[in-house]
């Protein structure tokens, strides 16, 4: 019987006044007004009666501007930074002053996490974190009550908010962890205290903030460093040489891969007409074939990682197979859209060089179409290597035998330059309206269109204007 993946709000949290007073450098005011905490919130719009509100300064808003509003809504108290104390020193409600509200949010999340005997899994990597996390949660929910990260709330704010959703029924927590600077994963591990972890892969993402791929590898490897130090368990992608290198100090580990001598072995059989992979997974003396609903050969790695976790956690083979075969991709993540003779691969959620290469490889393997078209947007945060990586997109398009390559954004000028050297039919636009008009002009029946770009490019906006 499948256990539920619990996503709901906790009715009452086991957080005490003593827990609040443990926050480093905290000063508590009006503690006689303290009452039971029903939830921890950072969004003033969503505050409900009984919530403890952390005032966090973001890019667009400062939570300190909404203190009076959240208290009127019934928040039991607020956590503010010291620099704002003078504004709120006359508050009658319970409030706490700390040096840094974001750091204190993480501290309190760690205090809360320690109250539960829950097996916690950390998932990171350059590509496939969210899909892998979702697949793992689906597999493990066949046997356990599972908490998982919602969407991709995977940073120093998202991880604490996920942990605050723990309740006594949870047996496993699957926590996605992202980073774009060194040290961030160490901090997230200190907050979540994972017992298990996986690095899906290591590729060229956020290279603007690192000294090359080795810098990225070292930063991603912080998860395995933490697990080695705490006698944790690693699930290791042995096909990725940098992941494998990072796993050397792990005493407890299980490897997976499609090449070499992995513990969990995969065999790629092929893709069907809409790009869904068929694979065979083998572990010890057992094998199973799996027909995935995800798109692209690369999604087989997400699935074999989830299967490896299933094997480690004792989920029966038939239930692992059923979970993986019933999993469908999220919107904007290799999402297949069929529209009156047009097939769209909507992979617009995000992009980096590795995921772009995987997307074009998928397009290459999808045969039987009269015309292959790709619309790509800028890949951001690539720093000094941006020109090279954008140029390589044209190579991927040529290899996939793309008939038309459409580019959007300033950085894709490097894609266009290389594409013209390769005699590809290429067009570049800085207006999505003009981009869509040109795409519509070349669409014929039985075309396939790939759409992909970095999140800030919002390439999904062209979808509603595409005409089959």
Protein backbone atom coordinates (compact mmCIF):
# COMPACT_ATOMS: atom_id res chain seq x y z
CA UNK A 1 0.00 0.00 0.00
CA UNK A 2 1.33 3.42 -0.99
CA UNK A 3 2.02 5.77 1.88
CA UNK A 4 1.07 9.39 1.48
CA UNK A 5 3.51 12.16 0.67
CA UNK A 6 2.45 14.69 3.29
CA UNK A 7 2.41 18.29 2.04
CA UNK A 8 -0.07 19.94 4.38
CA UNK A 9 0.47 22.62 6.98
CA UNK A 10 1.30 21.45 10.48
CA UNK A 11 -1.50 22.29 12.94
CA UNK A 12 0.80 22.78 15.89
CA UNK A 13 4.57 22.63 16.00
CA UNK A 14 6.55 21.29 18.90
CA UNK A 15 8.55 24.50 19.25
CA UNK A 16 8.87 25.99 22.72
CA UNK A 17 9.93 29.33 24.12
CA UNK A 18 13.13 27.62 25.26
CA UNK A 19 13.81 26.66 21.63
CA UNK A 20 13.39 30.26 20.52
CA UNK A 21 15.78 31.44 23.22
CA UNK A 22 18.46 29.09 21.83
CA UNK A 23 18.84 31.26 18.72
CA UNK A 24 22.31 32.79 18.76
CA UNK A 25 22.37 36.36 20.03
CA UNK A 26 18.61 36.44 20.45
CA UNK A 27 16.81 38.87 22.74
CA UNK A 28 13.23 37.95 23.62
CA UNK A 29 10.60 40.58 24.40
CA UNK A 30 7.15 40.10 25.93
CA UNK A 31 7.66 36.36 26.43
CA UNK A 32 4.54 36.28 28.61
CA UNK A 33 2.63 36.69 25.33
CA UNK A 34 4.22 33.60 23.79
CA UNK A 35 1.75 30.96 22.67
CA UNK A 36 1.96 27.68 20.77
CA UNK A 37 3.36 27.99 17.25
CA UNK A 38 1.22 26.57 14.47
CA UNK A 39 3.58 27.36 11.60
CA UNK A 40 6.65 29.41 10.69
CA UNK A 41 6.12 31.93 7.90
CA UNK A 42 8.16 34.44 5.91
CA UNK A 43 5.33 35.57 3.60
CA UNK A 44 3.14 38.27 5.12
CA UNK A 45 0.40 37.55 2.57
CA UNK A 46 0.03 33.96 3.78
CA UNK A 47 0.31 34.48 7.54
CA UNK A 48 -2.42 32.79 9.56
CA UNK A 49 -3.41 32.81 13.20
CA UNK A 50 -0.74 31.15 15.33
CA UNK A 51 2.16 31.67 12.89
CA UNK A 52 5.61 32.85 13.95
CA UNK A 53 6.71 35.39 11.34
CA UNK A 54 10.34 35.88 10.34
CA UNK A 55 10.95 39.32 8.84
CA UNK A 56 13.32 38.68 5.95
CA UNK A 57 14.64 41.26 3.52
CA UNK A 58 14.35 40.08 -0.08
CA UNK A 59 15.12 41.58 -3.47
CA UNK A 60 11.76 43.33 -3.73
CA UNK A 61 10.34 43.51 -0.20
CA UNK A 62 11.48 43.76 3.39
CA UNK A 63 9.44 41.70 5.85
CA UNK A 64 9.97 44.36 8.50
CA UNK A 65 7.55 46.58 6.59
CA UNK A 66 4.71 44.15 7.33
CA UNK A 67 5.15 43.52 11.06
CA UNK A 68 1.96 45.29 12.13
CA UNK A 69 0.02 43.62 9.32
CA UNK A 70 1.00 40.06 10.31
CA UNK A 71 0.25 40.73 13.97
CA UNK A 72 -3.23 41.94 13.02
CA UNK A 73 -3.69 38.68 11.10
CA UNK A 74 -3.02 36.72 14.29
CA UNK A 75 0.68 35.91 14.18
CA UNK A 76 1.79 34.84 17.68
CA UNK A 77 4.98 36.84 17.31
CA UNK A 78 7.71 38.08 15.00
CA UNK A 79 11.46 37.65 14.60
CA UNK A 80 13.24 40.83 13.52
CA UNK A 81 16.82 41.96 12.95
CA UNK A 82 18.61 44.17 15.46
CA UNK A 83 18.91 47.05 13.03
CA UNK A 84 15.12 47.44 13.16
CA UNK A 85 14.73 47.26 16.95
CA UNK A 86 14.21 50.99 17.39
CA UNK A 87 11.09 50.87 15.20
CA UNK A 88 9.42 48.09 17.17
CA UNK A 89 10.66 48.43 20.75
CA UNK A 90 7.16 49.45 21.89
CA UNK A 91 5.43 46.37 20.48
CA UNK A 92 3.11 44.68 22.97
CA UNK A 93 3.26 41.33 21.17
CA UNK A 94 5.88 38.62 21.56
CA UNK A 95 8.93 39.37 19.44
CA UNK A 96 12.53 38.25 19.11
CA UNK A 97 15.51 40.30 18.00
CA UNK A 98 18.40 38.53 16.25
CA UNK A 99 21.48 39.57 14.29
CA UNK A 100 20.36 37.98 11.01
CA UNK A 101 16.82 36.69 10.47
CA UNK A 102 17.84 34.35 7.62
CA UNK A 103 20.54 32.67 9.72
CA UNK A 104 18.12 32.39 12.64
CA UNK A 105 15.51 30.82 10.37
CA UNK A 106 18.03 28.08 9.57
CA UNK A 107 18.99 27.69 13.23
CA UNK A 108 15.39 27.22 14.31
CA UNK A 109 14.78 24.77 11.46
CA UNK A 110 17.72 22.69 12.70
CA UNK A 111 16.38 22.78 16.28
CA UNK A 112 13.03 21.59 14.95
CA UNK A 113 14.55 18.90 12.72
CA UNK A 114 16.34 17.39 15.75
CA UNK A 115 12.98 16.65 17.35
CA UNK A 116 12.22 13.96 14.76
CA UNK A 117 13.72 10.54 14.12
CA UNK A 118 13.32 10.91 10.39
CA UNK A 119 15.66 9.55 7.73
CA UNK A 120 16.71 12.62 5.81
CA UNK A 121 17.99 12.60 2.23
CA UNK A 122 19.90 15.48 0.61
CA UNK A 123 19.68 15.78 -3.18
CA UNK A 124 21.94 18.14 -5.12
CA UNK A 125 23.60 18.31 -8.54
CA UNK A 126 23.97 20.54 -11.58
CA UNK A 127 20.96 19.06 -13.41
CA UNK A 128 17.96 16.94 -12.53
CA UNK A 129 17.71 17.77 -8.82
CA UNK A 130 13.98 18.43 -8.78
CA UNK A 131 13.00 15.51 -11.01
CA UNK A 132 15.24 13.13 -9.05
CA UNK A 133 13.82 14.40 -5.76
CA UNK A 134 10.28 13.86 -6.99
CA UNK A 135 11.07 10.35 -8.24
CA UNK A 136 12.79 9.37 -4.99
CA UNK A 137 9.83 10.65 -2.97
CA UNK A 138 7.42 8.71 -5.18
CA UNK A 139 9.42 5.49 -4.84
CA UNK A 140 9.90 5.76 -1.08
CA UNK A 141 6.26 6.70 -0.50
CA UNK A 142 5.43 3.12 -1.54
CA UNK A 143 6.67 2.10 1.91
CA UNK A 144 7.10 5.21 4.08
CA UNK A 145 5.38 8.47 5.01
CA UNK A 146 7.47 10.99 3.07
CA UNK A 147 8.04 14.73 3.32
CA UNK A 148 9.57 16.33 0.23
CA UNK A 149 10.68 19.75 -0.88
CA UNK A 150 7.85 21.59 -2.63
CA UNK A 151 8.86 22.64 -6.13
CA UNK A 152 12.49 23.71 -6.00
CA UNK A 153 12.56 25.55 -2.65
CA UNK A 154 16.14 24.44 -2.27
CA UNK A 155 18.10 27.36 -0.81
CA UNK A 156 18.89 28.81 2.62
CA UNK A 157 15.24 29.84 2.97
CA UNK A 158 13.50 26.98 1.16
CA UNK A 159 15.26 24.19 3.07
CA UNK A 160 14.25 25.55 6.51
CA UNK A 161 10.66 26.07 5.34
CA UNK A 162 10.55 22.45 4.18
CA UNK A 163 11.86 21.20 7.53
CA UNK A 164 9.22 23.23 9.39
CA UNK A 165 6.61 21.03 7.67
CA UNK A 166 7.88 17.92 9.46
CA UNK A 167 5.41 16.17 11.71
CA UNK A 168 5.48 13.02 13.82
CA UNK A 169 4.06 10.84 11.04
CA UNK A 170 6.95 11.47 8.67
CA UNK A 171 9.47 8.66 8.35
CA UNK A 172 11.57 10.02 5.47
CA UNK A 173 12.36 13.57 4.32
CA UNK A 174 13.66 14.17 0.79
CA UNK A 175 15.33 17.57 0.74
CA UNK A 176 16.51 19.26 -2.46
CA UNK A 177 19.58 21.47 -2.00
CA UNK A 178 20.80 24.05 -4.51
CA UNK A 179 23.80 26.34 -4.49
CA UNK A 180 25.68 28.89 -6.55
CA UNK A 181 28.54 29.62 -4.14
CA UNK A 182 30.93 27.43 -2.19
CA UNK A 183 29.99 26.76 1.43
CA UNK A 184 26.25 26.92 0.81
CA UNK A 185 25.72 23.16 0.74
CA UNK A 186 27.73 22.73 3.94
CA UNK A 187 25.38 25.20 5.62
CA UNK A 188 22.27 23.47 4.27
CA UNK A 189 23.56 20.11 5.49
CA UNK A 190 24.19 21.59 8.93
CA UNK A 191 20.56 22.72 8.97
CA UNK A 192 18.95 19.54 7.62
CA UNK A 193 21.45 16.99 9.02
CA UNK A 194 20.95 14.45 6.21
CA UNK A 195 21.61 10.76 6.79
CA UNK A 196 21.72 10.02 3.05
CA UNK A 197 22.71 12.04 0.03
CA UNK A 198 23.18 12.07 -3.71
CA UNK A 199 24.89 14.34 -6.25
CA UNK A 200 22.97 13.74 -9.48
CA UNK A 201 25.81 15.02 -11.68
CA UNK A 202 28.37 17.82 -11.93
CA UNK A 203 28.28 20.16 -14.91
CA UNK A 204 28.76 23.74 -16.03
CA UNK A 205 26.15 25.61 -13.97
CA UNK A 206 26.73 28.93 -12.16
CA UNK A 207 30.30 28.98 -13.53
CA UNK A 208 30.32 32.76 -13.09
CA UNK A 209 30.86 32.16 -9.37
CA UNK A 210 33.52 29.45 -9.58
CA UNK A 211 36.99 28.85 -10.92
CA UNK A 212 36.04 26.31 -13.55
CA UNK A 213 34.33 22.96 -13.33
CA UNK A 214 36.64 21.76 -10.56
CA UNK A 215 35.40 24.58 -8.34
CA UNK A 216 31.83 23.50 -9.00
CA UNK A 217 32.76 19.89 -8.25
CA UNK A 218 34.32 20.85 -4.93
CA UNK A 219 31.25 22.86 -3.92
CA UNK A 220 28.82 20.09 -4.89
CA UNK A 221 31.05 17.62 -3.05
CA UNK A 222 30.31 19.37 0.24
CA UNK A 223 27.31 17.03 0.62
CA UNK A 224 29.54 13.95 0.53
CA UNK A 225 32.09 15.63 2.81
CA UNK A 226 29.32 16.15 5.36
CA UNK A 227 28.10 12.56 5.02
CA UNK A 228 31.63 11.17 5.38
CA UNK A 229 32.12 13.23 8.54
CA UNK A 230 28.82 12.10 10.06
CA UNK A 231 29.01 8.44 8.98
CA UNK A 232 26.19 8.99 6.51
CA UNK A 233 25.35 7.08 3.34
CA UNK A 234 25.92 8.21 -0.25
CA UNK A 235 24.12 7.12 -3.42
CA UNK A 236 26.79 7.66 -6.09
CA UNK A 237 26.51 8.25 -9.84
CA UNK A 238 29.53 6.22 -10.91
CA UNK A 239 29.19 7.36 -14.55
CA UNK A 240 30.12 10.92 -13.53
CA UNK A 241 33.85 10.96 -12.87
CA UNK A 242 33.69 14.07 -10.67
CA UNK A 243 30.87 12.67 -8.55
CA UNK A 244 32.77 9.40 -8.22
CA UNK A 245 35.93 11.27 -7.20
CA UNK A 246 33.97 13.19 -4.56
CA UNK A 247 32.68 9.93 -3.09
CA UNK A 248 36.12 8.48 -2.27
CA UNK A 249 35.94 9.31 1.44
CA UNK A 250 32.48 7.81 1.85
CA UNK A 251 32.62 4.54 3.75
CA UNK A 252 28.93 3.80 3.27
CA UNK A 253 27.76 4.04 -0.33
CA UNK A 254 25.82 2.42 -3.15
CA UNK A 255 26.68 3.22 -6.77
CA UNK A 256 24.48 3.39 -9.86
CA UNK A 257 25.27 3.80 -13.53
CA UNK A 258 24.80 2.69 -17.12
CA UNK A 259 28.50 2.06 -17.72
CA UNK A 260 31.20 0.37 -15.68
CA UNK A 261 30.78 -1.78 -12.62
CA UNK A 262 28.04 -0.06 -10.59
CA UNK A 263 26.07 -1.73 -7.80
CA UNK A 264 22.80 -0.76 -9.47
CA UNK A 265 23.23 -1.28 -13.21
CA UNK A 266 21.16 0.34 -15.91
CA UNK A 267 20.70 -0.57 -19.55
CA UNK A 268 19.18 1.96 -21.94
CA UNK A 269 16.92 0.26 -24.49
CA UNK A 270 15.65 3.27 -26.44
CA UNK A 271 13.04 6.02 -26.75
CA UNK A 272 9.50 5.66 -28.02
CA UNK A 273 7.95 8.06 -30.54
CA UNK A 274 7.45 10.82 -27.96
CA UNK A 275 10.83 10.46 -26.31
CA UNK A 276 9.96 8.26 -23.32
CA UNK A 277 12.84 5.93 -22.36
CA UNK A 278 12.69 2.20 -21.81
CA UNK A 279 15.38 0.97 -19.41
CA UNK A 280 16.38 -2.13 -17.48
CA UNK A 281 17.65 -1.82 -13.91
CA UNK A 282 19.54 -4.64 -12.19
CA UNK A 283 20.50 -4.99 -8.54
CA UNK A 284 22.10 -8.07 -7.04
CA UNK A 285 20.28 -10.99 -8.69
CA UNK A 286 17.16 -9.12 -9.76
CA UNK A 287 16.27 -7.10 -12.87
CA UNK A 288 13.27 -5.11 -14.00
CA UNK A 289 12.30 -3.27 -17.17
CA UNK A 290 10.83 0.20 -16.72
CA UNK A 291 8.87 2.27 -19.25
CA UNK A 292 9.25 5.87 -18.14
CA UNK A 293 6.84 8.71 -18.86
CA UNK A 294 9.63 11.26 -18.61
CA UNK A 295 11.29 12.51 -21.79
CA UNK A 296 14.88 12.05 -22.89
CA UNK A 297 17.64 9.55 -22.35
CA UNK A 298 19.10 11.73 -19.58
CA UNK A 299 15.95 11.21 -17.47
CA UNK A 300 17.00 7.56 -17.14
CA UNK A 301 19.65 8.77 -14.68
CA UNK A 302 16.99 10.40 -12.49
CA UNK A 303 15.09 7.13 -12.49
CA UNK A 304 18.03 4.84 -11.72
CA UNK A 305 19.02 7.10 -8.83
CA UNK A 306 15.49 6.84 -7.43
CA UNK A 307 15.58 3.08 -7.93
CA UNK A 308 18.88 2.89 -6.02
CA UNK A 309 17.27 4.70 -3.08
CA UNK A 310 14.35 2.29 -3.31
CA UNK A 311 16.68 -0.71 -3.15
CA UNK A 312 18.58 0.77 -0.22
CA UNK A 313 15.36 1.48 1.70
CA UNK A 314 13.91 -1.97 1.03
CA UNK A 315 11.08 -0.99 -1.30
CA UNK A 316 9.93 -4.08 -3.26
CA UNK A 317 11.01 -4.20 -6.91
CA UNK A 318 7.44 -4.24 -8.22
CA UNK A 319 6.60 -1.11 -6.24
CA UNK A 320 9.72 0.70 -7.45
CA UNK A 321 8.73 -0.15 -11.02
CA UNK A 322 5.13 1.01 -10.48
CA UNK A 323 6.24 4.29 -8.92
CA UNK A 324 8.70 5.12 -11.69
CA UNK A 325 6.30 4.18 -14.47
CA UNK A 326 3.56 6.39 -13.03
CA UNK A 327 5.76 9.47 -12.63
CA UNK A 328 5.14 12.30 -15.12
CA UNK A 329 7.30 15.35 -15.77
CA UNK A 330 6.54 18.73 -14.24
CA UNK A 331 5.38 21.63 -16.34
CA UNK A 332 8.30 23.30 -18.14
CA UNK A 333 10.61 20.33 -17.46
CA UNK A 334 10.82 18.28 -20.67
CA UNK A 335 7.04 18.54 -20.85
CA UNK A 336 5.55 17.10 -24.05
CA UNK A 337 2.65 19.11 -25.48
CA UNK A 338 0.70 17.75 -28.45
CA UNK A 339 -1.22 20.32 -30.43
CA UNK A 340 -2.87 19.41 -33.74
CA UNK A 341 0.12 18.13 -35.65
CA UNK A 342 2.73 19.95 -33.56
CA UNK A 343 4.80 18.37 -30.79
CA UNK A 344 6.37 20.80 -28.32
CA UNK A 345 9.17 19.90 -25.91
CA UNK A 346 8.70 22.53 -23.23
CA UNK A 347 11.95 22.47 -21.24
CA UNK A 348 11.82 26.16 -20.45
CA UNK A 349 12.21 26.03 -16.67
CA UNK A 350 15.98 26.55 -16.73
CA UNK A 351 19.12 25.92 -18.75
CA UNK A 352 22.84 25.41 -18.47
CA UNK A 353 25.29 23.87 -20.96
CA UNK A 354 24.80 20.31 -19.71
CA UNK A 355 21.01 20.44 -19.75
CA UNK A 356 21.03 22.12 -23.18
CA UNK A 357 23.18 19.32 -24.54
CA UNK A 358 20.80 16.73 -23.04
CA UNK A 359 17.77 18.50 -24.54
CA UNK A 360 19.27 18.54 -28.02
CA UNK A 361 20.31 14.90 -27.65
CA UNK A 362 16.67 14.09 -26.90
CA UNK A 363 15.57 16.04 -29.96
CA UNK A 364 18.13 14.13 -32.03
CA UNK A 365 16.73 10.76 -30.94
CA UNK A 366 13.11 11.72 -31.64
CA UNK A 367 12.52 10.62 -35.21
CA UNK A 368 9.56 10.59 -37.58
CA UNK A 369 9.01 14.36 -37.69
CA UNK A 370 8.86 16.41 -40.88
CA UNK A 371 10.63 19.39 -39.34
CA UNK A 372 12.77 19.89 -36.21
CA UNK A 373 12.84 23.38 -34.71
CA UNK A 374 14.56 24.74 -31.61
CA UNK A 375 13.97 28.05 -29.81
CA UNK A 376 16.67 28.77 -27.22
CA UNK A 377 17.19 31.65 -24.81
CA UNK A 378 20.29 32.89 -23.04
CA UNK A 379 22.03 30.70 -20.46
CA UNK A 380 22.92 32.95 -17.54
CA UNK A 381 25.58 32.92 -14.80
CA UNK A 382 28.27 31.40 -17.04
CA UNK A 383 30.79 34.21 -16.59
CA UNK A 384 33.82 34.35 -18.87
CA UNK A 385 32.96 31.00 -20.47
CA UNK A 386 29.59 32.23 -21.69
CA UNK A 387 30.74 32.88 -25.28
CA UNK A 388 32.12 29.36 -25.65
CA UNK A 389 29.06 27.65 -24.20
CA UNK A 390 26.60 29.65 -26.28
CA UNK A 391 28.61 28.85 -29.39
CA UNK A 392 28.39 25.15 -28.58
CA UNK A 393 24.59 25.30 -28.71
CA UNK A 394 24.89 25.55 -32.48
CA UNK A 395 26.98 22.37 -32.52
CA UNK A 396 24.27 20.55 -30.54
CA UNK A 397 21.59 21.85 -32.92
CA UNK A 398 23.55 20.71 -35.97
CA UNK A 399 24.11 17.27 -34.44
CA UNK A 400 20.37 16.99 -33.77
CA UNK A 401 19.72 17.88 -37.44
CA UNK A 402 17.60 20.89 -36.51
CA UNK A 403 15.97 22.53 -39.53
CA UNK A 404 15.53 25.94 -37.90
CA UNK A 405 17.31 27.40 -34.87
CA UNK A 406 15.72 30.43 -33.21
CA UNK A 407 17.66 32.45 -30.64
CA UNK A 408 16.43 34.93 -28.05
CA UNK A 409 18.57 37.22 -25.89
CA UNK A 410 21.87 39.06 -26.14
CA UNK A 411 24.13 36.11 -25.34
CA UNK A 412 22.75 33.94 -28.13
CA UNK A 413 24.58 36.14 -30.64
CA UNK A 414 27.45 33.70 -30.09
CA UNK A 415 25.10 30.84 -30.97
CA UNK A 416 24.08 32.60 -34.17
CA UNK A 417 27.70 33.25 -35.18
CA UNK A 418 28.61 29.58 -34.85
CA UNK A 419 25.34 28.41 -36.44
CA UNK A 420 26.03 30.44 -39.57
CA UNK A 421 29.48 28.87 -39.80
CA UNK A 422 27.67 25.53 -39.82
CA UNK A 423 25.16 26.75 -42.45
CA UNK A 424 22.21 26.31 -40.10
CA UNK A 425 19.04 28.27 -40.78
CA UNK A 426 19.26 30.61 -37.81
CA UNK A 427 17.32 33.65 -36.65
CA UNK A 428 17.88 35.87 -33.61
CA UNK A 429 15.35 38.12 -31.92
CA UNK A 430 15.21 40.40 -28.90
CA UNK A 431 11.41 40.52 -29.10
CA UNK A 432 9.33 37.46 -28.22
CA UNK A 433 6.51 38.72 -30.41
CA UNK A 434 8.75 38.72 -33.49
CA UNK A 435 10.30 35.43 -32.42
CA UNK A 436 6.88 33.75 -32.31
CA UNK A 437 5.83 35.25 -35.63
CA UNK A 438 8.87 33.76 -37.34
CA UNK A 439 8.45 30.38 -35.65
CA UNK A 440 4.82 30.25 -36.76
CA UNK A 441 5.88 31.01 -40.33
CA UNK A 442 8.02 27.87 -40.57
CA UNK A 443 5.75 25.41 -38.77
CA UNK A 444 4.34 22.62 -40.89
CA UNK A 445 2.27 19.58 -39.98
CA UNK A 446 4.20 17.00 -37.92
CA UNK A 447 6.82 19.47 -36.64
CA UNK A 448 8.60 19.21 -33.31
CA UNK A 449 9.66 22.32 -31.40
CA UNK A 450 12.11 22.44 -28.48
CA UNK A 451 11.86 25.47 -26.16
CA UNK A 452 14.58 26.07 -23.58
CA UNK A 453 16.43 28.87 -21.77
CA UNK A 454 17.46 30.13 -18.35
CA UNK A 455 14.65 30.87 -15.89
CA UNK A 456 14.98 34.63 -16.25
CA UNK A 457 14.43 34.34 -20.00
CA UNK A 458 10.87 33.00 -19.40
CA UNK A 459 10.83 31.16 -22.71
CA UNK A 460 7.49 29.54 -21.82
CA UNK A 461 5.85 32.89 -22.63
CA UNK A 462 6.01 32.10 -26.34
CA UNK A 463 3.88 28.97 -25.93
CA UNK A 464 0.46 30.61 -25.93
CA UNK A 465 1.20 32.30 -29.26
CA UNK A 466 2.54 29.24 -31.08
CA UNK A 467 0.10 28.09 -33.75
CA UNK A 468 -0.02 24.51 -34.92
